[in-house]
Amino acid sequence: MDMMVAVDLADGPETVMAHALAWASRLGATIHLRSVSHLLGDPAQLFGDIDTATLAQEWARCRASEASALERLSSKIPHRLRGSNELLVGPPGATLSSVASGFDLLLLGTHGRTGLKRLFLGSVAERVVREANAPVLVVHLDGDPPPEDRALKVMAPLDASEIDLRPLQLAREWLGPDTALHVVYALADLRLYEEIGLLRDQTREHPHREWAEHQLSTALAEAGIEAEQHYTSSFTANPGGELAEVAAALEVDLVTMPTHGRRGLQHLAYGSVAERLVRSSPCATLIVRG
């Protein structure tokens, strides 16, 4: 497996590398480092006829410094896991997304910004999740790498609108048959059934539960997947945050789910559960493009 690891040379790349090394060892992957330069580009092209000799010299010095830093980082990777490294130029989110398709997996870190910080600074990780044409593994820089001494626990959220088992299948394929798989199925909110008088008051049994269990069990059996099933009310107000709470309660090491990569007005109107999950998840998230 060829795993592209995106690092920000100005923002604690060693932390991302600790996660990358742990995941590469788990997956048997070769690490290919990619970093987007903080320089805008060749000053001769940016400023045209202006005398840019001094500026060009400084640009070359900074560019060489970044390249050396990336090379030093690469040299710390064990030979059995070490692949290529390359310094890229361009807007970070778009640039990383554009080169991701050449790899089996893209790993990058996030600070999980919320509120005003996210509003003004945005999130490279969220843009890559939305646009990259490769599976994206997002690790939280303030969290721990996956444990080495046990099989991992993986959670996959599903709902009635689409039982997409591809992310779960991919996680099992990559992490091995000993991986403990958990499926969290979101049932319709019980309050909807109360309003139309279909809720069984004495037992508060969900009218959709039996059908959901049959649908999910059938889908898992057809895919040859053994997984522990969990059922919960649908996530309405803040699905990403609510999924993060479930992941914390189950103490999983990885959450995996698909994304449909909405853009433009559709993304503005509906947002992306995957992006919200990336922001708030207590563990790593593996996002697979639909």
C-alpha atoms as a PDB file:
ATOM      1  CA  MET A   1       0.000   0.000   0.000  1.00  0.00           C
ATOM      2  CA  ASP A   2       1.206   3.508  -0.858  1.00  0.00           C
ATOM      3  CA  MET A   3       0.178   6.030   1.802  1.00  0.00           C
ATOM      4  CA  MET A   4       0.578   9.744   1.197  1.00  0.00           C
ATOM      5  CA  VAL A   5       1.217  11.642   4.430  1.00  0.00           C
ATOM      6  CA  ALA A   6       0.587  15.381   4.367  1.00  0.00           C
ATOM      7  CA  VAL A   7       2.737  17.376   6.787  1.00  0.00           C
ATOM      8  CA  ASP A   8       2.861  21.062   7.659  1.00  0.00           C
ATOM      9  CA  LEU A   9       6.536  21.806   8.224  1.00  0.00           C
ATOM     10  CA  ALA A  10       5.644  24.900  10.266  1.00  0.00           C
ATOM     11  CA  ASP A  11       3.180  23.201  12.593  1.00  0.00           C
ATOM     12  CA  GLY A  12       4.636  20.280  14.518  1.00  0.00           C
ATOM     13  CA  PRO A  13       5.207  17.723  11.742  1.00  0.00           C
ATOM     14  CA  GLU A  14       6.654  15.278  14.273  1.00  0.00           C
ATOM     15  CA  THR A  15       3.184  14.746  15.757  1.00  0.00           C
ATOM     16  CA  VAL A  16       1.692  13.796  12.395  1.00  0.00           C
ATOM     17  CA  MET A  17       4.674  11.525  11.775  1.00  0.00           C
ATOM     18  CA  ALA A  18       4.093   9.644  15.045  1.00  0.00           C
ATOM     19  CA  HIS A  19       0.566   8.832  13.886  1.00  0.00           C
ATOM     20  CA  ALA A  20       1.722   8.052  10.342  1.00  0.00           C
ATOM     21  CA  LEU A  21       4.365   5.591  11.518  1.00  0.00           C
ATOM     22  CA  ALA A  22       1.870   3.775  13.745  1.00  0.00           C
ATOM     23  CA  TRP A  23      -0.723   3.492  10.978  1.00  0.00           C
ATOM     24  CA  ALA A  24       1.861   2.523   8.351  1.00  0.00           C
ATOM     25  CA  SER A  25       3.064  -0.307  10.584  1.00  0.00           C
ATOM     26  CA  ARG A  26      -0.525  -1.463  11.050  1.00  0.00           C
ATOM     27  CA  LEU A  27      -1.335  -1.304   7.351  1.00  0.00           C
ATOM     28  CA  GLY A  28       1.994  -2.455   5.949  1.00  0.00           C
ATOM     29  CA  ALA A  29       2.130   0.817   4.030  1.00  0.00           C
ATOM     30  CA  THR A  30       4.945   2.770   2.426  1.00  0.00           C
ATOM     31  CA  ILE A  31       5.002   6.419   3.544  1.00  0.00           C
ATOM     32  CA  HIS A  32       5.238   9.119   0.874  1.00  0.00           C
ATOM     33  CA  LEU A  33       5.665  12.548   2.466  1.00  0.00           C
ATOM     34  CA  ARG A  34       4.061  15.589   0.842  1.00  0.00           C
ATOM     35  CA  SER A  35       4.175  19.135   2.160  1.00  0.00           C
ATOM     36  CA  VAL A  36       2.708  22.287   0.644  1.00  0.00           C
ATOM     37  CA  SER A  37       5.203  25.151   0.636  1.00  0.00           C
ATOM     38  CA  HIS A  38       4.290  28.335   2.484  1.00  0.00           C
ATOM     39  CA  LEU A  39       5.859  30.291  -0.385  1.00  0.00           C
ATOM     40  CA  LEU A  40       3.493  31.679  -3.024  1.00  0.00           C
ATOM     41  CA  GLY A  41       5.609  30.745  -6.022  1.00  0.00           C
ATOM     42  CA  ASP A  42       8.488  31.956  -8.172  1.00  0.00           C
ATOM     43  CA  PRO A  43       8.758  35.759  -7.598  1.00  0.00           C
ATOM     44  CA  ALA A  44       9.800  36.283 -11.224  1.00  0.00           C
ATOM     45  CA  GLN A  45       6.420  34.928 -12.294  1.00  0.00           C
ATOM     46  CA  LEU A  46       4.509  36.710  -9.542  1.00  0.00           C
ATOM     47  CA  PHE A  47       5.964  40.200  -9.980  1.00  0.00           C
ATOM     48  CA  GLY A  48       6.850  40.297 -13.670  1.00  0.00           C
ATOM     49  CA  ASP A  49       9.277  43.054 -14.681  1.00  0.00           C
ATOM     50  CA  ILE A  50       9.982  44.275 -11.150  1.00  0.00           C
ATOM     51  CA  ASP A  51      13.612  43.784 -10.130  1.00  0.00           C
ATOM     52  CA  THR A  52      13.209  40.711  -8.001  1.00  0.00           C
ATOM     53  CA  ALA A  53      16.820  39.545  -7.780  1.00  0.00           C
ATOM     54  CA  THR A  54      17.065  39.928  -4.001  1.00  0.00           C
ATOM     55  CA  LEU A  55      13.576  38.577  -3.524  1.00  0.00           C
ATOM     56  CA  ALA A  56      14.375  35.613  -5.743  1.00  0.00           C
ATOM     57  CA  GLN A  57      17.472  34.826  -3.696  1.00  0.00           C
ATOM     58  CA  GLU A  58      15.459  34.881  -0.479  1.00  0.00           C
ATOM     59  CA  TRP A  59      12.743  32.764  -2.101  1.00  0.00           C
ATOM     60  CA  ALA A  60      15.343  30.199  -3.181  1.00  0.00           C
ATOM     61  CA  ARG A  61      16.841  30.147   0.310  1.00  0.00           C
ATOM     62  CA  CYS A  62      13.447  29.570   1.952  1.00  0.00           C
ATOM     63  CA  ARG A  63      12.527  26.946  -0.618  1.00  0.00           C
ATOM     64  CA  ALA A  64      15.795  25.088   0.017  1.00  0.00           C
ATOM     65  CA  SER A  65      15.192  25.315   3.770  1.00  0.00           C
ATOM     66  CA  GLU A  66      11.745  23.737   3.404  1.00  0.00           C
ATOM     67  CA  ALA A  67      13.100  21.000   1.158  1.00  0.00           C
ATOM     68  CA  SER A  68      15.852  20.238   3.691  1.00  0.00           C
ATOM     69  CA  ALA A  69      13.332  20.086   6.539  1.00  0.00           C
ATOM     70  CA  LEU A  70      11.203  17.637   4.571  1.00  0.00           C
ATOM     71  CA  GLU A  71      14.250  15.504   3.790  1.00  0.00           C
ATOM     72  CA  ARG A  72      15.239  15.414   7.473  1.00  0.00           C
ATOM     73  CA  LEU A  73      11.723  14.338   8.385  1.00  0.00           C
ATOM     74  CA  SER A  74      11.814  11.610   5.743  1.00  0.00           C
ATOM     75  CA  SER A  75      15.161  10.325   7.035  1.00  0.00           C
ATOM     76  CA  LYS A  76      13.511   9.458  10.371  1.00  0.00           C
ATOM     77  CA  ILE A  77      11.194   6.955   8.685  1.00  0.00           C
ATOM     78  CA  PRO A  78      12.455   3.337   8.870  1.00  0.00           C
ATOM     79  CA  HIS A  79      13.744   2.119   5.496  1.00  0.00           C
ATOM     80  CA  ARG A  80      11.062  -0.570   5.261  1.00  0.00           C
ATOM     81  CA  LEU A  81       8.360   2.128   5.407  1.00  0.00           C
ATOM     82  CA  ARG A  82      10.114   4.950   3.559  1.00  0.00           C
ATOM     83  CA  GLY A  83       8.960   6.052   0.129  1.00  0.00           C
ATOM     84  CA  SER A  84       9.255   9.372  -1.675  1.00  0.00           C
ATOM     85  CA  ASN A  85       8.976  12.953  -0.465  1.00  0.00           C
ATOM     86  CA  GLU A  86       7.982  16.062  -2.392  1.00  0.00           C
ATOM     87  CA  LEU A  87       7.452  19.754  -1.682  1.00  0.00           C
ATOM     88  CA  LEU A  88       4.336  21.088  -3.417  1.00  0.00           C
ATOM     89  CA  VAL A  89       3.223  24.643  -4.214  1.00  0.00           C
ATOM     90  CA  GLY A  90      -0.357  25.927  -4.183  1.00  0.00           C
ATOM     91  CA  PRO A  91      -3.409  26.299  -1.935  1.00  0.00           C
ATOM     92  CA  PRO A  92      -3.011  23.479   0.645  1.00  0.00           C
ATOM     93  CA  GLY A  93      -6.476  21.912   0.451  1.00  0.00           C
ATOM     94  CA  ALA A  94      -6.795  21.955  -3.320  1.00  0.00           C
ATOM     95  CA  THR A  95      -3.174  20.938  -3.886  1.00  0.00           C
ATOM     96  CA  LEU A  96      -3.286  17.937  -1.556  1.00  0.00           C
ATOM     97  CA  SER A  97      -6.643  16.843  -2.977  1.00  0.00           C
ATOM     98  CA  SER A  98      -5.337  16.981  -6.532  1.00  0.00           C
ATOM     99  CA  VAL A  99      -2.401  14.630  -5.891  1.00  0.00           C
ATOM    100  CA  ALA A 100      -4.225  12.199  -3.577  1.00  0.00           C
ATOM    101  CA  SER A 101      -5.604  10.095  -6.421  1.00  0.00           C
ATOM    102  CA  GLY A 102      -2.137   8.670  -7.065  1.00  0.00           C
ATOM    103  CA  PHE A 103      -2.123   6.896  -3.681  1.00  0.00           C
ATOM    104  CA  ASP A 104      -4.102   4.186  -1.906  1.00  0.00           C
ATOM    105  CA  LEU A 105      -4.607   6.347   1.170  1.00  0.00           C
ATOM    106  CA  LEU A 106      -4.016   9.932   2.283  1.00  0.00           C
ATOM    107  CA  LEU A 107      -3.230  10.620   5.950  1.00  0.00           C
ATOM    108  CA  LEU A 108      -3.269  14.093   7.421  1.00  0.00           C
ATOM    109  CA  GLY A 109      -3.748  15.733  10.794  1.00  0.00           C
ATOM    110  CA  THR A 110      -6.270  18.208  12.122  1.00  0.00           C
ATOM    111  CA  HIS A 111      -6.585  20.428  15.161  1.00  0.00           C
ATOM    112  CA  GLY A 112     -10.371  20.031  15.056  1.00  0.00           C
ATOM    113  CA  ARG A 113     -10.992  23.785  15.080  1.00  0.00           C
ATOM    114  CA  THR A 114     -14.477  25.006  15.946  1.00  0.00           C
ATOM    115  CA  GLY A 115     -16.190  28.374  16.240  1.00  0.00           C
ATOM    116  CA  LEU A 116     -14.407  31.529  15.128  1.00  0.00           C
ATOM    117  CA  LYS A 117     -11.060  29.813  14.561  1.00  0.00           C
ATOM    118  CA  ARG A 118     -12.618  27.513  12.006  1.00  0.00           C
ATOM    119  CA  LEU A 119     -14.669  30.355  10.484  1.00  0.00           C
ATOM    120  CA  PHE A 120     -11.587  32.461   9.781  1.00  0.00           C
ATOM    121  CA  LEU A 121      -8.931  29.798   9.256  1.00  0.00           C
ATOM    122  CA  GLY A 122     -11.008  27.036   7.723  1.00  0.00           C
ATOM    123  CA  SER A 123      -9.796  23.466   7.767  1.00  0.00           C
ATOM    124  CA  VAL A 124      -7.501  21.887   5.212  1.00  0.00           C
ATOM    125  CA  ALA A 125      -8.573  18.460   6.449  1.00  0.00           C
ATOM    126  CA  GLU A 126     -12.256  19.160   5.822  1.00  0.00           C
ATOM    127  CA  ARG A 127     -11.594  20.411   2.307  1.00  0.00           C
ATOM    128  CA  VAL A 128      -9.484  17.360   1.499  1.00  0.00           C
ATOM    129  CA  VAL A 129     -12.205  15.071   2.867  1.00  0.00           C
ATOM    130  CA  ARG A 130     -14.675  16.805   0.559  1.00  0.00           C
ATOM    131  CA  GLU A 131     -12.545  16.820  -2.599  1.00  0.00           C
ATOM    132  CA  ALA A 132      -9.921  14.044  -2.566  1.00  0.00           C
ATOM    133  CA  ASN A 133     -10.475  11.047  -4.850  1.00  0.00           C
ATOM    134  CA  ALA A 134      -8.833   8.627  -2.423  1.00  0.00           C
ATOM    135  CA  PRO A 135      -9.668   7.337   1.061  1.00  0.00           C
ATOM    136  CA  VAL A 136      -8.646   9.930   3.663  1.00  0.00           C
ATOM    137  CA  LEU A 137      -7.439   9.033   7.166  1.00  0.00           C
ATOM    138  CA  VAL A 138      -7.659  12.058   9.462  1.00  0.00           C
ATOM    139  CA  VAL A 139      -5.840  11.937  12.816  1.00  0.00           C
ATOM    140  CA  HIS A 140      -6.274  14.423  15.654  1.00  0.00           C
ATOM    141  CA  LEU A 141      -2.979  16.035  16.557  1.00  0.00           C
ATOM    142  CA  ASP A 142      -3.887  16.168  20.246  1.00  0.00           C
ATOM    143  CA  GLY A 143      -4.780  12.458  20.343  1.00  0.00           C
ATOM    144  CA  ASP A 144      -2.748   9.278  20.611  1.00  0.00           C
ATOM    145  CA  PRO A 145      -1.640   7.000  17.744  1.00  0.00           C
ATOM    146  CA  PRO A 146      -3.400   3.618  17.524  1.00  0.00           C
ATOM    147  CA  PRO A 147      -2.287   1.037  20.120  1.00  0.00           C
ATOM    148  CA  GLU A 148       0.206  -1.585  19.001  1.00  0.00           C
ATOM    149  CA  ASP A 149      -0.655  -4.359  21.455  1.00  0.00           C
ATOM    150  CA  ARG A 150      -4.227  -5.260  20.466  1.00  0.00           C
ATOM    151  CA  ALA A 151      -6.684  -5.466  17.602  1.00  0.00           C
ATOM    152  CA  LEU A 152      -8.406  -2.201  16.784  1.00  0.00           C
ATOM    153  CA  LYS A 153     -12.068  -1.348  17.327  1.00  0.00           C
ATOM    154  CA  VAL A 154     -13.771   0.244  14.322  1.00  0.00           C
ATOM    155  CA  MET A 155     -17.166   1.959  14.175  1.00  0.00           C
ATOM    156  CA  ALA A 156     -19.218   2.528  11.023  1.00  0.00           C
ATOM    157  CA  PRO A 157     -22.356   4.710  11.208  1.00  0.00           C
ATOM    158  CA  LEU A 158     -25.262   3.826   8.893  1.00  0.00           C
ATOM    159  CA  ASP A 159     -28.871   4.858   8.398  1.00  0.00           C
ATOM    160  CA  ALA A 160     -31.929   3.761   6.457  1.00  0.00           C
ATOM    161  CA  SER A 161     -31.211   6.083   3.540  1.00  0.00           C
ATOM    162  CA  GLU A 162     -28.182   4.057   2.470  1.00  0.00           C
ATOM    163  CA  ILE A 163     -26.519   0.941   3.867  1.00  0.00           C
ATOM    164  CA  ASP A 164     -23.045   1.538   2.462  1.00  0.00           C
ATOM    165  CA  LEU A 165     -20.657  -1.114   3.770  1.00  0.00           C
ATOM    166  CA  ARG A 166     -17.663  -0.150   1.606  1.00  0.00           C
ATOM    167  CA  PRO A 167     -15.867   1.799   4.373  1.00  0.00           C
ATOM    168  CA  LEU A 168     -16.334  -1.095   6.796  1.00  0.00           C
ATOM    169  CA  GLN A 169     -15.112  -3.610   4.219  1.00  0.00           C
ATOM    170  CA  LEU A 170     -12.076  -1.458   3.511  1.00  0.00           C
ATOM    171  CA  ALA A 171     -11.229  -1.162   7.205  1.00  0.00           C
ATOM    172  CA  ARG A 172     -11.495  -4.931   7.672  1.00  0.00           C
ATOM    173  CA  GLU A 173      -9.391  -5.589   4.571  1.00  0.00           C
ATOM    174  CA  TRP A 174      -6.666  -3.196   5.679  1.00  0.00           C
ATOM    175  CA  LEU A 175      -6.648  -3.933   9.414  1.00  0.00           C
ATOM    176  CA  GLY A 176      -7.199  -7.698   9.329  1.00  0.00           C
ATOM    177  CA  PRO A 177      -9.845 -10.228  10.414  1.00  0.00           C
ATOM    178  CA  ASP A 178      -9.242  -9.692  14.139  1.00  0.00           C
ATOM    179  CA  THR A 179     -10.564  -6.137  13.927  1.00  0.00           C
ATOM    180  CA  ALA A 180     -13.614  -5.604  16.167  1.00  0.00           C
ATOM    181  CA  LEU A 181     -16.302  -4.072  13.953  1.00  0.00           C
ATOM    182  CA  HIS A 182     -19.217  -2.047  15.304  1.00  0.00           C
ATOM    183  CA  VAL A 183     -22.117  -0.794  13.188  1.00  0.00           C
ATOM    184  CA  VAL A 184     -24.208   2.082  14.545  1.00  0.00           C
ATOM    185  CA  TYR A 185     -27.569   2.275  12.789  1.00  0.00           C
ATOM    186  CA  ALA A 186     -29.550   5.505  13.136  1.00  0.00           C
ATOM    187  CA  LEU A 187     -33.280   4.876  13.464  1.00  0.00           C
ATOM    188  CA  ALA A 188     -35.833   7.613  12.855  1.00  0.00           C
ATOM    189  CA  ASP A 189     -36.369   9.935  15.829  1.00  0.00           C
ATOM    190  CA  LEU A 190     -38.970   8.447  18.197  1.00  0.00           C
ATOM    191  CA  ARG A 191     -40.640  11.833  18.582  1.00  0.00           C
ATOM    192  CA  LEU A 192     -41.838  11.588  14.988  1.00  0.00           C
ATOM    193  CA  TYR A 193     -43.690   8.374  15.823  1.00  0.00           C
ATOM    194  CA  GLU A 194     -45.156   9.897  18.990  1.00  0.00           C
ATOM    195  CA  GLU A 195     -46.604  12.775  16.994  1.00  0.00           C
ATOM    196  CA  ILE A 196     -48.450  10.482  14.567  1.00  0.00           C
ATOM    197  CA  GLY A 197     -49.523   7.968  17.220  1.00  0.00           C
ATOM    198  CA  LEU A 198     -47.502   4.963  16.049  1.00  0.00           C
ATOM    199  CA  LEU A 199     -45.316   4.557  19.132  1.00  0.00           C
ATOM    200  CA  ARG A 200     -46.116   1.591  21.372  1.00  0.00           C
ATOM    201  CA  ASP A 201     -46.455   3.484  24.647  1.00  0.00           C
ATOM    202  CA  GLN A 202     -45.945   0.583  27.059  1.00  0.00           C
ATOM    203  CA  THR A 203     -42.700  -0.728  25.645  1.00  0.00           C
ATOM    204  CA  ARG A 204     -41.534   2.327  23.666  1.00  0.00           C
ATOM    205  CA  GLU A 205     -40.391  -0.195  21.099  1.00  0.00           C
ATOM    206  CA  HIS A 206     -39.258   1.529  17.941  1.00  0.00           C
ATOM    207  CA  PRO A 207     -41.624   0.689  15.038  1.00  0.00           C
ATOM    208  CA  HIS A 208     -38.675   0.699  12.654  1.00  0.00           C
ATOM    209  CA  ARG A 209     -36.349  -1.472  14.766  1.00  0.00           C
ATOM    210  CA  GLU A 210     -37.377  -4.933  13.551  1.00  0.00           C
ATOM    211  CA  TRP A 211     -37.215  -3.899   9.886  1.00  0.00           C
ATOM    212  CA  ALA A 212     -33.859  -2.193  10.419  1.00  0.00           C
ATOM    213  CA  GLU A 213     -32.380  -5.255  12.125  1.00  0.00           C
ATOM    214  CA  HIS A 214     -33.482  -7.449   9.238  1.00  0.00           C
ATOM    215  CA  GLN A 215     -32.115  -5.057   6.601  1.00  0.00           C
ATOM    216  CA  LEU A 216     -28.781  -4.600   8.331  1.00  0.00           C
ATOM    217  CA  SER A 217     -28.297  -8.266   9.243  1.00  0.00           C
ATOM    218  CA  THR A 218     -29.045  -9.273   5.658  1.00  0.00           C
ATOM    219  CA  ALA A 219     -26.613  -6.714   4.236  1.00  0.00           C
ATOM    220  CA  LEU A 220     -23.836  -7.764   6.628  1.00  0.00           C
ATOM    221  CA  ALA A 221     -24.381 -11.456   5.889  1.00  0.00           C
ATOM    222  CA  GLU A 222     -24.303 -10.894   2.135  1.00  0.00           C
ATOM    223  CA  ALA A 223     -21.042  -8.975   2.515  1.00  0.00           C
ATOM    224  CA  GLY A 224     -19.553 -11.653   4.776  1.00  0.00           C
ATOM    225  CA  ILE A 225     -19.048  -9.188   7.616  1.00  0.00           C
ATOM    226  CA  GLU A 226     -19.411 -10.001  11.313  1.00  0.00           C
ATOM    227  CA  ALA A 227     -20.083  -6.871  13.329  1.00  0.00           C
ATOM    228  CA  GLU A 228     -21.710  -5.894  16.597  1.00  0.00           C
ATOM    229  CA  GLN A 229     -24.886  -3.946  15.887  1.00  0.00           C
ATOM    230  CA  HIS A 230     -26.007  -0.850  17.784  1.00  0.00           C
ATOM    231  CA  TYR A 231     -29.234   1.072  17.216  1.00  0.00           C
ATOM    232  CA  THR A 232     -29.910   4.674  18.153  1.00  0.00           C
ATOM    233  CA  SER A 233     -32.298   7.488  17.299  1.00  0.00           C
ATOM    234  CA  SER A 234     -31.404   9.403  14.162  1.00  0.00           C
ATOM    235  CA  PHE A 235     -28.869  12.183  14.401  1.00  0.00           C
ATOM    236  CA  THR A 236     -30.663  15.411  13.570  1.00  0.00           C
ATOM    237  CA  ALA A 237     -29.323  18.601  15.144  1.00  0.00           C
ATOM    238  CA  ASN A 238     -25.590  17.860  15.061  1.00  0.00           C
ATOM    239  CA  PRO A 239     -24.950  14.439  13.491  1.00  0.00           C
ATOM    240  CA  GLY A 240     -21.169  14.763  13.455  1.00  0.00           C
ATOM    241  CA  GLY A 241     -21.010  15.707  17.122  1.00  0.00           C
ATOM    242  CA  GLU A 242     -23.494  13.020  18.134  1.00  0.00           C
ATOM    243  CA  LEU A 243     -21.540  10.358  16.241  1.00  0.00           C
ATOM    244  CA  ALA A 244     -18.402  11.514  18.035  1.00  0.00           C
ATOM    245  CA  GLU A 245     -20.163  10.956  21.370  1.00  0.00           C
ATOM    246  CA  VAL A 246     -21.145   7.419  20.335  1.00  0.00           C
ATOM    247  CA  ALA A 247     -17.556   6.717  19.256  1.00  0.00           C
ATOM    248  CA  ALA A 248     -16.300   7.888  22.642  1.00  0.00           C
ATOM    249  CA  ALA A 249     -18.853   5.737  24.474  1.00  0.00           C
ATOM    250  CA  LEU A 250     -17.850   2.637  22.479  1.00  0.00           C
ATOM    251  CA  GLU A 251     -14.139   3.484  22.940  1.00  0.00           C
ATOM    252  CA  VAL A 252     -13.337   2.784  19.300  1.00  0.00           C
ATOM    253  CA  ASP A 253      -9.985   3.497  17.674  1.00  0.00           C
ATOM    254  CA  LEU A 254     -11.349   4.422  14.258  1.00  0.00           C
ATOM    255  CA  VAL A 255     -14.605   5.685  12.765  1.00  0.00           C
ATOM    256  CA  THR A 256     -15.143   5.029   9.074  1.00  0.00           C
ATOM    257  CA  MET A 257     -17.892   6.349   6.821  1.00  0.00           C
ATOM    258  CA  PRO A 258     -18.551   7.436   3.239  1.00  0.00           C
ATOM    259  CA  THR A 259     -18.806  10.985   1.945  1.00  0.00           C
ATOM    260  CA  HIS A 260     -20.504  12.255  -1.170  1.00  0.00           C
ATOM    261  CA  GLY A 261     -18.238  15.279  -1.562  1.00  0.00           C
ATOM    262  CA  ARG A 262     -20.926  17.954  -1.829  1.00  0.00           C
ATOM    263  CA  ARG A 263     -19.784  21.304  -3.180  1.00  0.00           C
ATOM    264  CA  GLY A 264     -21.154  24.777  -3.786  1.00  0.00           C
ATOM    265  CA  LEU A 265     -24.721  25.579  -2.755  1.00  0.00           C
ATOM    266  CA  GLN A 266     -25.522  21.955  -1.974  1.00  0.00           C
ATOM    267  CA  HIS A 267     -22.663  21.813   0.529  1.00  0.00           C
ATOM    268  CA  LEU A 268     -23.668  25.193   1.964  1.00  0.00           C
ATOM    269  CA  ALA A 269     -27.234  23.998   2.474  1.00  0.00           C
ATOM    270  CA  TYR A 270     -26.623  20.483   3.721  1.00  0.00           C
ATOM    271  CA  GLY A 271     -23.040  20.475   4.948  1.00  0.00           C
ATOM    272  CA  SER A 272     -21.277  17.167   5.369  1.00  0.00           C
ATOM    273  CA  VAL A 273     -21.635  14.759   8.264  1.00  0.00           C
ATOM    274  CA  ALA A 274     -18.176  13.406   7.437  1.00  0.00           C
ATOM    275  CA  GLU A 275     -16.598  16.856   7.738  1.00  0.00           C
ATOM    276  CA  ARG A 276     -18.341  17.524  11.042  1.00  0.00           C
ATOM    277  CA  LEU A 277     -17.241  14.141  12.318  1.00  0.00           C
ATOM    278  CA  VAL A 278     -13.631  14.876  11.346  1.00  0.00           C
ATOM    279  CA  ARG A 279     -13.853  18.059  13.406  1.00  0.00           C
ATOM    280  CA  SER A 280     -15.158  16.465  16.607  1.00  0.00           C
ATOM    281  CA  SER A 281     -14.247  12.761  16.565  1.00  0.00           C
ATOM    282  CA  PRO A 282     -12.301  11.509  19.610  1.00  0.00           C
ATOM    283  CA  CYS A 283     -10.318   9.138  17.383  1.00  0.00           C
ATOM    284  CA  ALA A 284      -9.029   8.818  13.832  1.00  0.00           C
ATOM    285  CA  THR A 285     -11.568   8.893  10.998  1.00  0.00           C
ATOM    286  CA  LEU A 286     -11.361   7.052   7.686  1.00  0.00           C
ATOM    287  CA  ILE A 287     -13.494   8.751   5.034  1.00  0.00           C
ATOM    288  CA  VAL A 288     -14.223   6.905   1.793  1.00  0.00           C
ATOM    289  CA  ARG A 289     -15.487   8.853  -1.212  1.00  0.00           C
ATOM    290  CA  GLY A 290     -18.879   7.685  -2.493  1.00  0.00           C
END
